[in-house]
Amino acid sequence: MAQTTSATDGNPAATHASCKTSLAVGRCHEALPICQAGLRETERRLGLEYEDVASWLLLVSRALQELGQYAQAEPISQRWS
């Protein structure tokens, strides 16, 4: 099994790519906590109003939707729209 990049490994681009890949192959349970951690870290580093934050919000919302957690995904998707 491939090792997953953690959100704290110091490489945000690799973490973002890992989340996108996990979502693309249907590993939403694996992707969600990584995406959430990436979002928190990006918000901490850059603030709330930044393009990179919107990208993480999209990933978190997509993971939640894929897991059928629509009520949790809706407010997150509204933040980036």
Protein backbone atom coordinates (compact mmCIF):
# COMPACT_ATOMS: atom_id res chain seq x y z
CA MET A 1 0.00 0.00 0.00
CA ALA A 2 1.33 3.47 -0.89
CA GLN A 3 2.33 5.73 1.93
CA THR A 4 0.17 8.81 2.27
CA THR A 5 1.73 12.24 2.56
CA SER A 6 0.81 13.91 5.82
CA ALA A 7 -0.32 17.51 6.06
CA THR A 8 2.58 18.27 8.35
CA ASP A 9 5.42 17.00 6.17
CA GLY A 10 6.39 20.51 5.11
CA ASN A 11 5.35 20.09 1.48
CA PRO A 12 1.86 21.54 0.98
CA ALA A 13 1.89 20.88 -2.76
CA ALA A 14 2.61 17.18 -2.23
CA THR A 15 -0.08 16.97 0.44
CA HIS A 16 -2.58 18.66 -1.87
CA ALA A 17 -1.68 16.28 -4.68
CA SER A 18 -2.05 13.31 -2.33
CA CYS A 19 -5.56 14.42 -1.36
CA LYS A 20 -6.57 14.89 -4.99
CA THR A 21 -5.21 11.47 -5.91
CA SER A 22 -6.93 9.75 -2.98
CA LEU A 23 -10.24 11.35 -3.95
CA ALA A 24 -9.77 10.43 -7.62
CA VAL A 25 -9.34 6.74 -6.80
CA GLY A 26 -12.20 6.65 -4.30
CA ARG A 27 -10.20 6.61 -1.05
CA CYS A 28 -12.33 9.34 0.53
CA HIS A 29 -11.99 8.05 4.10
CA GLU A 30 -8.23 8.34 3.73
CA ALA A 31 -8.34 11.72 1.99
CA LEU A 32 -10.71 13.53 4.35
CA PRO A 33 -8.45 13.89 7.43
CA ILE A 34 -5.48 14.83 5.24
CA CYS A 35 -7.55 17.45 3.42
CA GLN A 36 -8.90 18.83 6.70
CA ALA A 37 -5.39 19.09 8.14
CA GLY A 38 -4.15 20.76 4.96
CA LEU A 39 -7.00 23.27 5.16
CA ARG A 40 -6.25 24.07 8.80
CA GLU A 41 -2.55 24.53 8.10
CA THR A 42 -3.16 26.70 5.05
CA GLU A 43 -5.63 28.87 6.95
CA ARG A 44 -3.12 29.20 9.79
CA ARG A 45 -0.29 30.20 7.46
CA LEU A 46 -2.14 32.40 4.99
CA GLY A 47 -5.42 33.48 6.58
CA LEU A 48 -8.95 32.77 5.44
CA GLU A 49 -9.11 34.84 2.26
CA TYR A 50 -6.57 33.21 0.01
CA GLU A 51 -6.78 31.19 -3.22
CA ASP A 52 -5.00 28.20 -1.69
CA VAL A 53 -7.61 28.07 1.08
CA ALA A 54 -10.36 27.88 -1.55
CA SER A 55 -8.64 24.91 -3.16
CA TRP A 56 -8.48 23.06 0.19
CA LEU A 57 -12.13 23.93 0.90
CA LEU A 58 -13.07 22.35 -2.41
CA LEU A 59 -11.19 19.16 -1.56
CA VAL A 60 -12.72 18.88 1.93
CA SER A 61 -16.20 19.51 0.56
CA ARG A 62 -15.72 16.94 -2.19
CA ALA A 63 -14.50 14.30 0.27
CA LEU A 64 -17.49 14.91 2.55
CA GLN A 65 -19.90 14.71 -0.37
CA GLU A 66 -18.34 11.47 -1.60
CA LEU A 67 -18.83 10.07 1.91
CA GLY A 68 -22.48 11.11 1.85
CA GLN A 69 -22.01 13.78 4.53
CA TYR A 70 -23.90 16.45 2.60
CA ALA A 71 -24.98 18.52 5.61
CA GLN A 72 -21.34 18.93 6.64
CA ALA A 73 -20.18 19.60 3.07
CA GLU A 74 -22.67 22.37 2.34
CA PRO A 75 -21.30 25.12 4.63
CA ILE A 76 -17.77 24.31 3.52
CA SER A 77 -18.66 24.54 -0.16
CA GLN A 78 -20.44 27.83 0.51
CA ARG A 79 -17.22 29.29 1.92
CA TRP A 80 -15.40 28.98 -1.41
CA SER A 81 -18.24 29.79 -3.78
